Amino acid sequence: MSGQDSWLRAETGGTKQASVISKPEVLLALMRKAKRPVVIIGHETMTDSLRTAILIRLVSLLQEKGFDVICTSHIAGQVISHGVTISGSFGSMEIIDRLRDPSWAGPYGKGQYDLVFIAGFSYSLGWLLMSGLKQGAPDTKVVSLDYRYQPHASWSYANMKTDRWKEEIERFLNLILSENTQKKLEERDV
């Protein structure tokens, strides 16, 4: 157990629940180990300027580090207008169905994803999406980047206010941008 409650207390995630992201180095370690990472962003990425700005910065940086970017269909134009190149856009349930399908090799045919970062979905929809991955793709590591604890993810931030969440994402961004990290991530690609 993680010691963290679901944002909706009546909801339980079963006996296996997400570990709480206590420091950004955890995410960096997951990134280093991943062979096929992807970041999935949903409609709430574009709901307010604070979240939009920081999530777009994060997604752009993750893309530079080799992540594919998949978004929900109705925000594809907005994401592209922020300078992000998307690998695909689908309905949210279709994204998860494809990730669960062992025969789907991704938009570029390079193979299944082993690390999924998810952000920008309403809590209840994110809950369902991550539950689908937890049950249908148990070998895939799923990281919730939102400010509410998602027990169906492999890793999730704890419940926190938006300002605190922004600080945590900034810490993660700064860690990725540090020179030491740049070299370590490049070594993974060699």
N, C-alpha and C. Protein backbone atom coordinates (compact mmCIF):
# COMPACT_ATOMS: atom_id res chain seq x y z
N MET A 1 0.83 -1.19 0.00
CA MET A 1 0.00 0.00 0.00
C MET A 1 0.87 1.25 0.00
N SER A 2 0.36 2.28 -0.57
CA SER A 2 1.14 3.50 -0.75
C SER A 2 1.05 4.45 0.43
N GLY A 3 0.04 4.33 1.27
CA GLY A 3 -0.16 5.28 2.33
C GLY A 3 -0.91 6.52 1.87
N GLN A 4 -1.33 6.55 0.64
CA GLN A 4 -2.05 7.69 0.06
C GLN A 4 -3.46 7.23 -0.28
N ASP A 5 -4.45 8.07 0.01
CA ASP A 5 -5.83 7.75 -0.32
C ASP A 5 -6.16 8.22 -1.73
N SER A 6 -7.09 7.53 -2.36
CA SER A 6 -7.61 8.00 -3.64
C SER A 6 -8.22 9.37 -3.44
N TRP A 7 -8.21 10.17 -4.48
CA TRP A 7 -8.82 11.48 -4.39
C TRP A 7 -10.31 11.33 -4.10
N LEU A 8 -10.96 10.33 -4.68
CA LEU A 8 -12.33 9.98 -4.34
C LEU A 8 -12.25 8.83 -3.35
N ARG A 9 -12.51 9.09 -2.10
CA ARG A 9 -12.24 8.11 -1.05
C ARG A 9 -13.06 6.83 -1.16
N ALA A 10 -14.19 6.86 -1.81
CA ALA A 10 -15.00 5.65 -1.93
C ALA A 10 -14.40 4.67 -2.94
N GLU A 11 -13.49 5.16 -3.74
CA GLU A 11 -12.88 4.33 -4.77
C GLU A 11 -11.65 3.62 -4.21
N THR A 12 -11.54 2.34 -4.48
CA THR A 12 -10.34 1.61 -4.08
C THR A 12 -9.70 0.99 -5.31
N GLY A 13 -8.41 0.92 -5.30
CA GLY A 13 -7.68 0.43 -6.46
C GLY A 13 -7.26 -1.02 -6.36
N GLY A 14 -7.81 -1.76 -5.43
CA GLY A 14 -7.41 -3.15 -5.25
C GLY A 14 -6.21 -3.24 -4.31
N THR A 15 -5.59 -4.40 -4.27
CA THR A 15 -4.48 -4.60 -3.34
C THR A 15 -3.18 -4.00 -3.85
N LYS A 16 -3.03 -3.87 -5.13
CA LYS A 16 -1.82 -3.28 -5.71
C LYS A 16 -2.14 -1.85 -6.12
N GLN A 17 -1.52 -0.89 -5.42
CA GLN A 17 -1.79 0.51 -5.72
C GLN A 17 -0.51 1.24 -6.07
N ALA A 18 -0.66 2.41 -6.64
CA ALA A 18 0.47 3.20 -7.12
C ALA A 18 1.40 3.60 -5.98
N SER A 19 2.68 3.59 -6.28
CA SER A 19 3.67 4.16 -5.37
C SER A 19 3.65 5.67 -5.56
N VAL A 20 3.84 6.40 -4.47
CA VAL A 20 3.82 7.86 -4.54
C VAL A 20 5.18 8.35 -5.02
N ILE A 21 5.16 9.28 -5.96
CA ILE A 21 6.39 9.89 -6.47
C ILE A 21 6.86 10.89 -5.42
N SER A 22 7.91 10.54 -4.69
CA SER A 22 8.40 11.40 -3.62
C SER A 22 9.51 12.33 -4.08
N LYS A 23 10.17 11.97 -5.16
CA LYS A 23 11.23 12.81 -5.71
C LYS A 23 11.33 12.57 -7.21
N PRO A 24 11.74 13.58 -7.96
CA PRO A 24 11.76 13.45 -9.42
C PRO A 24 12.77 12.42 -9.94
N GLU A 25 13.73 12.05 -9.13
CA GLU A 25 14.71 11.04 -9.54
C GLU A 25 14.05 9.70 -9.85
N VAL A 26 12.91 9.44 -9.21
CA VAL A 26 12.16 8.21 -9.49
C VAL A 26 11.73 8.19 -10.96
N LEU A 27 11.20 9.31 -11.42
CA LEU A 27 10.75 9.41 -12.81
C LEU A 27 11.93 9.31 -13.78
N LEU A 28 13.03 9.92 -13.39
CA LEU A 28 14.22 9.86 -14.23
C LEU A 28 14.72 8.42 -14.37
N ALA A 29 14.70 7.68 -13.27
CA ALA A 29 15.13 6.27 -13.32
C ALA A 29 14.22 5.46 -14.25
N LEU A 30 12.92 5.72 -14.18
CA LEU A 30 11.99 5.03 -15.09
C LEU A 30 12.29 5.39 -16.54
N MET A 31 12.60 6.65 -16.79
CA MET A 31 12.91 7.09 -18.15
C MET A 31 14.16 6.39 -18.68
N ARG A 32 15.16 6.25 -17.83
CA ARG A 32 16.42 5.61 -18.25
C ARG A 32 16.21 4.15 -18.63
N LYS A 33 15.36 3.46 -17.89
CA LYS A 33 15.13 2.03 -18.12
C LYS A 33 14.23 1.77 -19.33
N ALA A 34 13.42 2.74 -19.68
CA ALA A 34 12.42 2.54 -20.74
C ALA A 34 13.06 2.41 -22.12
N LYS A 35 12.54 1.46 -22.87
CA LYS A 35 12.97 1.30 -24.26
C LYS A 35 12.01 2.01 -25.22
N ARG A 36 10.72 2.02 -24.87
CA ARG A 36 9.68 2.63 -25.72
C ARG A 36 8.74 3.47 -24.85
N PRO A 37 9.12 4.72 -24.54
CA PRO A 37 8.25 5.56 -23.72
C PRO A 37 7.26 6.38 -24.56
N VAL A 38 6.12 6.66 -23.95
CA VAL A 38 5.10 7.50 -24.59
C VAL A 38 4.47 8.38 -23.53
N VAL A 39 4.07 9.57 -23.91
CA VAL A 39 3.30 10.44 -23.03
C VAL A 39 1.94 10.66 -23.69
N ILE A 40 0.89 10.48 -22.89
CA ILE A 40 -0.48 10.63 -23.37
C ILE A 40 -1.09 11.84 -22.65
N ILE A 41 -1.63 12.77 -23.43
CA ILE A 41 -2.24 13.94 -22.82
C ILE A 41 -3.69 14.07 -23.24
N GLY A 42 -4.50 14.48 -22.27
CA GLY A 42 -5.93 14.60 -22.49
C GLY A 42 -6.41 16.04 -22.46
N HIS A 43 -7.71 16.19 -22.50
CA HIS A 43 -8.36 17.49 -22.67
C HIS A 43 -8.04 18.49 -21.57
N GLU A 44 -7.82 18.05 -20.34
CA GLU A 44 -7.56 18.99 -19.26
C GLU A 44 -6.18 19.64 -19.36
N THR A 45 -5.36 19.15 -20.26
CA THR A 45 -4.07 19.80 -20.51
C THR A 45 -4.29 21.22 -20.98
N MET A 46 -5.39 21.46 -21.64
CA MET A 46 -5.66 22.77 -22.23
C MET A 46 -6.72 23.58 -21.48
N THR A 47 -7.01 23.24 -20.22
CA THR A 47 -8.11 23.90 -19.53
C THR A 47 -7.75 25.22 -18.87
N ASP A 48 -6.56 25.35 -18.33
CA ASP A 48 -6.19 26.62 -17.73
C ASP A 48 -4.73 26.93 -18.07
N SER A 49 -4.40 28.21 -18.06
CA SER A 49 -3.09 28.63 -18.55
C SER A 49 -1.94 28.07 -17.73
N LEU A 50 -2.11 27.93 -16.42
CA LEU A 50 -1.05 27.39 -15.57
C LEU A 50 -0.71 25.96 -15.95
N ARG A 51 -1.73 25.12 -16.00
CA ARG A 51 -1.50 23.71 -16.34
C ARG A 51 -1.06 23.55 -17.78
N THR A 52 -1.64 24.33 -18.68
CA THR A 52 -1.26 24.23 -20.09
C THR A 52 0.22 24.54 -20.26
N ALA A 53 0.66 25.65 -19.70
CA ALA A 53 2.05 26.08 -19.89
C ALA A 53 3.04 25.04 -19.38
N ILE A 54 2.82 24.55 -18.18
CA ILE A 54 3.81 23.62 -17.62
C ILE A 54 3.74 22.24 -18.27
N LEU A 55 2.54 21.77 -18.59
CA LEU A 55 2.43 20.46 -19.24
C LEU A 55 2.98 20.49 -20.66
N ILE A 56 2.75 21.56 -21.38
CA ILE A 56 3.30 21.65 -22.74
C ILE A 56 4.83 21.70 -22.67
N ARG A 57 5.38 22.44 -21.70
CA ARG A 57 6.85 22.44 -21.54
C ARG A 57 7.36 21.04 -21.25
N LEU A 58 6.67 20.34 -20.35
CA LEU A 58 7.09 18.99 -20.00
C LEU A 58 6.98 18.04 -21.19
N VAL A 59 5.87 18.09 -21.89
CA VAL A 59 5.66 17.21 -23.04
C VAL A 59 6.71 17.49 -24.12
N SER A 60 7.01 18.76 -24.37
CA SER A 60 8.03 19.11 -25.37
C SER A 60 9.38 18.55 -24.98
N LEU A 61 9.72 18.66 -23.71
CA LEU A 61 11.00 18.15 -23.24
C LEU A 61 11.05 16.62 -23.30
N LEU A 62 9.96 15.97 -22.92
CA LEU A 62 9.92 14.51 -23.00
C LEU A 62 10.05 14.06 -24.46
N GLN A 63 9.44 14.81 -25.35
CA GLN A 63 9.55 14.47 -26.77
C GLN A 63 11.00 14.56 -27.24
N GLU A 64 11.71 15.57 -26.77
CA GLU A 64 13.14 15.70 -27.10
C GLU A 64 13.94 14.51 -26.58
N LYS A 65 13.47 13.91 -25.50
CA LYS A 65 14.16 12.77 -24.88
C LYS A 65 13.72 11.43 -25.45
N GLY A 66 12.94 11.45 -26.53
CA GLY A 66 12.59 10.21 -27.19
C GLY A 66 11.20 9.67 -26.93
N PHE A 67 10.38 10.40 -26.21
CA PHE A 67 9.00 9.98 -25.97
C PHE A 67 8.16 10.26 -27.20
N ASP A 68 7.29 9.33 -27.57
CA ASP A 68 6.24 9.63 -28.53
C ASP A 68 5.16 10.40 -27.78
N VAL A 69 4.41 11.22 -28.47
CA VAL A 69 3.33 12.00 -27.86
C VAL A 69 2.03 11.63 -28.54
N ILE A 70 1.08 11.15 -27.74
CA ILE A 70 -0.26 10.83 -28.25
C ILE A 70 -1.24 11.67 -27.45
N CYS A 71 -2.18 12.30 -28.14
CA CYS A 71 -3.18 13.11 -27.44
C CYS A 71 -4.58 12.72 -27.88
N THR A 72 -5.55 13.18 -27.11
CA THR A 72 -6.92 12.93 -27.51
C THR A 72 -7.23 13.80 -28.73
N SER A 73 -8.12 13.30 -29.56
CA SER A 73 -8.37 13.90 -30.87
C SER A 73 -8.76 15.37 -30.83
N HIS A 74 -9.63 15.74 -29.91
CA HIS A 74 -10.16 17.10 -29.95
C HIS A 74 -9.19 18.18 -29.48
N ILE A 75 -8.03 17.80 -28.93
CA ILE A 75 -7.04 18.82 -28.57
C ILE A 75 -5.81 18.79 -29.48
N ALA A 76 -5.82 17.92 -30.47
CA ALA A 76 -4.64 17.76 -31.34
C ALA A 76 -4.21 19.09 -31.95
N GLY A 77 -5.15 19.85 -32.46
CA GLY A 77 -4.81 21.14 -33.08
C GLY A 77 -4.18 22.10 -32.09
N GLN A 78 -4.71 22.15 -30.87
CA GLN A 78 -4.15 23.03 -29.85
C GLN A 78 -2.74 22.60 -29.45
N VAL A 79 -2.53 21.31 -29.33
CA VAL A 79 -1.21 20.80 -28.95
C VAL A 79 -0.20 21.14 -30.04
N ILE A 80 -0.57 20.92 -31.29
CA ILE A 80 0.31 21.24 -32.41
C ILE A 80 0.60 22.74 -32.46
N SER A 81 -0.40 23.57 -32.14
CA SER A 81 -0.19 25.02 -32.17
C SER A 81 0.80 25.48 -31.11
N HIS A 82 1.06 24.65 -30.10
CA HIS A 82 2.06 24.95 -29.08
C HIS A 82 3.44 24.41 -29.47
N GLY A 83 3.57 23.90 -30.69
CA GLY A 83 4.87 23.46 -31.17
C GLY A 83 5.22 22.01 -30.89
N VAL A 84 4.27 21.23 -30.42
CA VAL A 84 4.52 19.81 -30.14
C VAL A 84 4.14 18.99 -31.37
N THR A 85 5.01 18.10 -31.77
CA THR A 85 4.71 17.18 -32.86
C THR A 85 4.09 15.94 -32.25
N ILE A 86 2.88 15.63 -32.65
CA ILE A 86 2.21 14.46 -32.07
C ILE A 86 2.44 13.23 -32.94
N SER A 87 2.50 12.09 -32.27
CA SER A 87 2.66 10.81 -32.97
C SER A 87 1.32 10.25 -33.39
N GLY A 88 0.27 10.71 -32.74
CA GLY A 88 -1.06 10.25 -33.08
C GLY A 88 -2.10 10.92 -32.21
N SER A 89 -3.33 10.91 -32.66
CA SER A 89 -4.44 11.41 -31.85
C SER A 89 -5.62 10.45 -32.02
N PHE A 90 -6.17 10.06 -30.90
CA PHE A 90 -7.26 9.09 -30.87
C PHE A 90 -8.22 9.50 -29.76
N GLY A 91 -9.34 8.81 -29.69
CA GLY A 91 -10.21 8.94 -28.53
C GLY A 91 -9.50 8.32 -27.33
N SER A 92 -9.83 8.78 -26.14
CA SER A 92 -9.11 8.31 -24.95
C SER A 92 -9.21 6.80 -24.75
N MET A 93 -10.39 6.23 -24.94
CA MET A 93 -10.54 4.78 -24.77
C MET A 93 -9.80 4.02 -25.87
N GLU A 94 -9.77 4.58 -27.07
CA GLU A 94 -9.05 3.94 -28.16
C GLU A 94 -7.54 3.92 -27.89
N ILE A 95 -7.03 4.98 -27.29
CA ILE A 95 -5.60 5.01 -26.94
C ILE A 95 -5.28 3.84 -26.02
N ILE A 96 -6.09 3.67 -24.98
CA ILE A 96 -5.83 2.61 -24.00
C ILE A 96 -6.02 1.24 -24.63
N ASP A 97 -7.05 1.07 -25.45
CA ASP A 97 -7.25 -0.22 -26.13
C ASP A 97 -6.05 -0.58 -26.99
N ARG A 98 -5.49 0.40 -27.67
CA ARG A 98 -4.31 0.12 -28.49
C ARG A 98 -3.10 -0.23 -27.62
N LEU A 99 -2.93 0.47 -26.52
CA LEU A 99 -1.80 0.17 -25.63
C LEU A 99 -1.93 -1.22 -25.01
N ARG A 100 -3.15 -1.68 -24.80
CA ARG A 100 -3.37 -3.02 -24.24
C ARG A 100 -3.23 -4.11 -25.29
N ASP A 101 -3.32 -3.77 -26.55
CA ASP A 101 -3.27 -4.75 -27.64
C ASP A 101 -1.83 -5.17 -27.90
N PRO A 102 -1.48 -6.43 -27.64
CA PRO A 102 -0.09 -6.87 -27.83
C PRO A 102 0.37 -6.83 -29.29
N SER A 103 -0.56 -6.80 -30.23
CA SER A 103 -0.16 -6.78 -31.65
C SER A 103 0.04 -5.35 -32.18
N TRP A 104 -0.34 -4.33 -31.40
CA TRP A 104 -0.17 -2.95 -31.85
C TRP A 104 1.28 -2.52 -31.62
N ALA A 105 1.94 -2.09 -32.65
CA ALA A 105 3.36 -1.72 -32.57
C ALA A 105 3.56 -0.21 -32.54
N GLY A 106 2.55 0.53 -32.13
CA GLY A 106 2.67 1.98 -32.06
C GLY A 106 2.46 2.64 -33.40
N PRO A 107 2.37 3.96 -33.43
CA PRO A 107 2.10 4.67 -34.67
C PRO A 107 3.21 4.53 -35.72
N TYR A 108 4.42 4.22 -35.28
CA TYR A 108 5.54 4.11 -36.22
C TYR A 108 5.99 2.67 -36.43
N GLY A 109 5.28 1.71 -35.84
CA GLY A 109 5.62 0.31 -36.01
C GLY A 109 6.89 -0.13 -35.31
N LYS A 110 7.28 0.56 -34.25
CA LYS A 110 8.53 0.25 -33.55
C LYS A 110 8.36 -0.70 -32.37
N GLY A 111 7.14 -1.10 -32.08
CA GLY A 111 6.91 -2.02 -30.97
C GLY A 111 6.08 -1.42 -29.86
N GLN A 112 5.72 -2.28 -28.92
CA GLN A 112 4.87 -1.85 -27.81
C GLN A 112 5.60 -0.89 -26.88
N TYR A 113 4.83 -0.04 -26.23
CA TYR A 113 5.38 0.90 -25.26
C TYR A 113 5.55 0.20 -23.92
N ASP A 114 6.64 0.52 -23.22
CA ASP A 114 6.87 -0.07 -21.90
C ASP A 114 6.75 0.94 -20.77
N LEU A 115 6.67 2.23 -21.11
CA LEU A 115 6.49 3.28 -20.11
C LEU A 115 5.48 4.28 -20.65
N VAL A 116 4.45 4.56 -19.86
CA VAL A 116 3.39 5.48 -20.27
C VAL A 116 3.25 6.57 -19.21
N PHE A 117 3.49 7.82 -19.60
CA PHE A 117 3.20 8.97 -18.75
C PHE A 117 1.83 9.49 -19.18
N ILE A 118 0.95 9.72 -18.22
CA ILE A 118 -0.41 10.19 -18.52
C ILE A 118 -0.68 11.48 -17.76
N ALA A 119 -1.24 12.47 -18.45
CA ALA A 119 -1.61 13.74 -17.81
C ALA A 119 -2.79 14.36 -18.54
N GLY A 120 -3.54 15.17 -17.81
CA GLY A 120 -4.56 15.98 -18.44
C GLY A 120 -5.91 15.34 -18.65
N PHE A 121 -6.24 14.32 -17.88
CA PHE A 121 -7.57 13.71 -17.97
C PHE A 121 -8.33 14.03 -16.69
N SER A 122 -9.66 14.07 -16.77
CA SER A 122 -10.44 14.24 -15.56
C SER A 122 -10.14 13.05 -14.65
N TYR A 123 -10.34 13.23 -13.35
CA TYR A 123 -9.96 12.17 -12.41
C TYR A 123 -10.66 10.85 -12.73
N SER A 124 -11.97 10.91 -12.94
CA SER A 124 -12.71 9.66 -13.16
C SER A 124 -12.32 8.98 -14.48
N LEU A 125 -12.07 9.75 -15.52
CA LEU A 125 -11.65 9.15 -16.79
C LEU A 125 -10.23 8.59 -16.66
N GLY A 126 -9.35 9.34 -16.02
CA GLY A 126 -7.99 8.84 -15.79
C GLY A 126 -8.00 7.54 -15.01
N TRP A 127 -8.88 7.47 -14.02
CA TRP A 127 -9.05 6.26 -13.21
C TRP A 127 -9.37 5.06 -14.12
N LEU A 128 -10.34 5.24 -15.01
CA LEU A 128 -10.73 4.16 -15.91
C LEU A 128 -9.62 3.79 -16.89
N LEU A 129 -8.95 4.79 -17.44
CA LEU A 129 -7.88 4.54 -18.39
C LEU A 129 -6.74 3.76 -17.74
N MET A 130 -6.34 4.19 -16.56
CA MET A 130 -5.24 3.52 -15.88
C MET A 130 -5.64 2.14 -15.37
N SER A 131 -6.90 1.98 -15.01
CA SER A 131 -7.39 0.66 -14.62
C SER A 131 -7.31 -0.29 -15.81
N GLY A 132 -7.67 0.19 -16.99
CA GLY A 132 -7.57 -0.63 -18.19
C GLY A 132 -6.15 -1.07 -18.47
N LEU A 133 -5.19 -0.16 -18.29
CA LEU A 133 -3.79 -0.52 -18.50
C LEU A 133 -3.29 -1.47 -17.41
N LYS A 134 -3.72 -1.23 -16.19
CA LYS A 134 -3.29 -2.09 -15.07
C LYS A 134 -3.74 -3.53 -15.30
N GLN A 135 -4.97 -3.68 -15.79
CA GLN A 135 -5.52 -5.03 -16.00
C GLN A 135 -5.09 -5.63 -17.33
N GLY A 136 -5.00 -4.81 -18.38
CA GLY A 136 -4.77 -5.34 -19.72
C GLY A 136 -3.34 -5.29 -20.21
N ALA A 137 -2.49 -4.51 -19.55
CA ALA A 137 -1.08 -4.41 -19.94
C ALA A 137 -0.23 -4.36 -18.67
N PRO A 138 -0.24 -5.45 -17.89
CA PRO A 138 0.40 -5.41 -16.56
C PRO A 138 1.91 -5.19 -16.58
N ASP A 139 2.57 -5.42 -17.71
CA ASP A 139 4.02 -5.21 -17.78
C ASP A 139 4.39 -3.78 -18.15
N THR A 140 3.40 -2.96 -18.44
CA THR A 140 3.64 -1.57 -18.80
C THR A 140 3.64 -0.72 -17.54
N LYS A 141 4.68 0.09 -17.35
CA LYS A 141 4.74 1.02 -16.23
C LYS A 141 3.92 2.25 -16.60
N VAL A 142 3.01 2.64 -15.72
CA VAL A 142 2.13 3.77 -15.96
C VAL A 142 2.38 4.83 -14.89
N VAL A 143 2.65 6.05 -15.31
CA VAL A 143 2.93 7.15 -14.39
C VAL A 143 1.87 8.23 -14.58
N SER A 144 1.16 8.56 -13.50
CA SER A 144 0.21 9.66 -13.55
C SER A 144 0.94 10.95 -13.18
N LEU A 145 0.89 11.93 -14.06
CA LEU A 145 1.55 13.21 -13.82
C LEU A 145 0.59 14.27 -13.30
N ASP A 146 -0.61 13.89 -12.96
CA ASP A 146 -1.60 14.85 -12.47
C ASP A 146 -1.45 15.06 -10.96
N TYR A 147 -2.16 16.06 -10.44
CA TYR A 147 -2.01 16.45 -9.04
C TYR A 147 -2.95 15.71 -8.09
N ARG A 148 -3.59 14.68 -8.58
CA ARG A 148 -4.43 13.84 -7.72
C ARG A 148 -3.92 12.41 -7.80
N TYR A 149 -3.85 11.76 -6.67
CA TYR A 149 -3.34 10.40 -6.59
C TYR A 149 -4.21 9.45 -7.40
N GLN A 150 -3.60 8.68 -8.27
CA GLN A 150 -4.29 7.69 -9.11
C GLN A 150 -3.81 6.30 -8.71
N PRO A 151 -4.58 5.55 -7.94
CA PRO A 151 -4.11 4.26 -7.44
C PRO A 151 -3.87 3.21 -8.51
N HIS A 152 -4.47 3.34 -9.69
CA HIS A 152 -4.28 2.34 -10.74
C HIS A 152 -2.98 2.53 -11.52
N ALA A 153 -2.30 3.63 -11.33
CA ALA A 153 -1.01 3.84 -11.99
C ALA A 153 0.05 3.01 -11.27
N SER A 154 1.22 2.88 -11.88
CA SER A 154 2.35 2.26 -11.19
C SER A 154 2.97 3.28 -10.24
N TRP A 155 3.03 4.53 -10.70
CA TRP A 155 3.56 5.65 -9.92
C TRP A 155 2.61 6.83 -10.10
N SER A 156 2.40 7.59 -9.02
CA SER A 156 1.51 8.74 -9.08
C SER A 156 1.95 9.79 -8.07
N TYR A 157 1.71 11.04 -8.39
CA TYR A 157 1.89 12.09 -7.39
C TYR A 157 0.79 11.94 -6.35
N ALA A 158 1.08 12.38 -5.13
CA ALA A 158 0.08 12.38 -4.06
C ALA A 158 -0.95 13.47 -4.35
N ASN A 159 -2.06 13.45 -3.62
CA ASN A 159 -3.04 14.54 -3.73
C ASN A 159 -2.38 15.83 -3.27
N MET A 160 -2.46 16.86 -4.07
CA MET A 160 -1.84 18.13 -3.71
C MET A 160 -2.54 19.28 -4.41
N LYS A 161 -2.29 20.47 -3.91
CA LYS A 161 -2.83 21.68 -4.54
C LYS A 161 -2.05 21.95 -5.82
N THR A 162 -2.65 22.71 -6.72
CA THR A 162 -2.05 22.97 -8.02
C THR A 162 -0.68 23.65 -7.90
N ASP A 163 -0.53 24.58 -6.95
CA ASP A 163 0.76 25.26 -6.80
C ASP A 163 1.87 24.29 -6.41
N ARG A 164 1.56 23.40 -5.51
CA ARG A 164 2.55 22.39 -5.07
C ARG A 164 2.88 21.45 -6.23
N TRP A 165 1.86 21.06 -6.99
CA TRP A 165 2.06 20.19 -8.15
C TRP A 165 2.97 20.86 -9.17
N LYS A 166 2.75 22.15 -9.40
CA LYS A 166 3.58 22.90 -10.33
C LYS A 166 5.04 22.87 -9.87
N GLU A 167 5.28 23.03 -8.57
CA GLU A 167 6.64 22.97 -8.04
C GLU A 167 7.27 21.60 -8.30
N GLU A 168 6.49 20.54 -8.13
CA GLU A 168 7.01 19.19 -8.35
C GLU A 168 7.35 18.96 -9.83
N ILE A 169 6.49 19.43 -10.71
CA ILE A 169 6.77 19.29 -12.14
C ILE A 169 8.00 20.12 -12.52
N GLU A 170 8.13 21.31 -11.94
CA GLU A 170 9.32 22.15 -12.18
C GLU A 170 10.59 21.43 -11.73
N ARG A 171 10.52 20.77 -10.58
CA ARG A 171 11.69 20.00 -10.10
C ARG A 171 12.05 18.91 -11.11
N PHE A 172 11.04 18.24 -11.64
CA PHE A 172 11.27 17.20 -12.64
C PHE A 172 11.89 17.80 -13.90
N LEU A 173 11.33 18.91 -14.36
CA LEU A 173 11.87 19.58 -15.55
C LEU A 173 13.33 19.98 -15.34
N ASN A 174 13.62 20.56 -14.18
CA ASN A 174 14.99 21.00 -13.90
C ASN A 174 15.95 19.82 -13.84
N LEU A 175 15.50 18.71 -13.31
CA LEU A 175 16.34 17.52 -13.26
C LEU A 175 16.64 17.01 -14.66
N ILE A 176 15.63 16.98 -15.51
CA ILE A 176 15.84 16.52 -16.89
C ILE A 176 16.82 17.45 -17.61
N LEU A 177 16.71 18.74 -17.33
CA LEU A 177 17.54 19.73 -18.02
C LEU A 177 18.97 19.80 -17.50
N SER A 178 19.21 19.26 -16.32
CA SER A 178 20.56 19.34 -15.76
C SER A 178 21.55 18.62 -16.68
N GLU A 179 22.78 19.11 -16.72
CA GLU A 179 23.77 18.54 -17.63
C GLU A 179 24.05 17.08 -17.34
N ASN A 180 24.11 16.74 -16.09
CA ASN A 180 24.37 15.35 -15.72
C ASN A 180 23.33 14.43 -16.33
N THR A 181 22.09 14.84 -16.23
CA THR A 181 20.99 14.04 -16.74
C THR A 181 21.05 13.94 -18.26
N GLN A 182 21.38 15.04 -18.90
CA GLN A 182 21.47 15.03 -20.36
C GLN A 182 22.38 13.91 -20.82
N LYS A 183 23.55 13.81 -20.20
CA LYS A 183 24.53 12.80 -20.60
C LYS A 183 24.01 11.40 -20.33
N LYS A 184 23.39 11.20 -19.16
CA LYS A 184 22.90 9.87 -18.81
C LYS A 184 21.80 9.41 -19.75
N LEU A 185 20.92 10.32 -20.14
CA LEU A 185 19.85 9.95 -21.07
C LEU A 185 20.40 9.67 -22.46
N GLU A 186 21.42 10.41 -22.87
CA GLU A 186 22.03 10.16 -24.18
C GLU A 186 22.71 8.80 -24.20
N GLU A 187 23.30 8.39 -23.07
CA GLU A 187 23.94 7.07 -22.99
C GLU A 187 22.92 5.97 -23.22
N ARG A 188 21.69 6.17 -22.76
CA ARG A 188 20.64 5.17 -22.94
C ARG A 188 20.36 4.94 -24.42
N ASP A 189 20.46 6.01 -25.20
CA ASP A 189 20.13 5.93 -26.62
C ASP A 189 21.25 5.31 -27.47
N VAL A 190 22.45 5.25 -26.92
CA VAL A 190 23.59 4.73 -27.70
C VAL A 190 23.56 3.23 -27.77
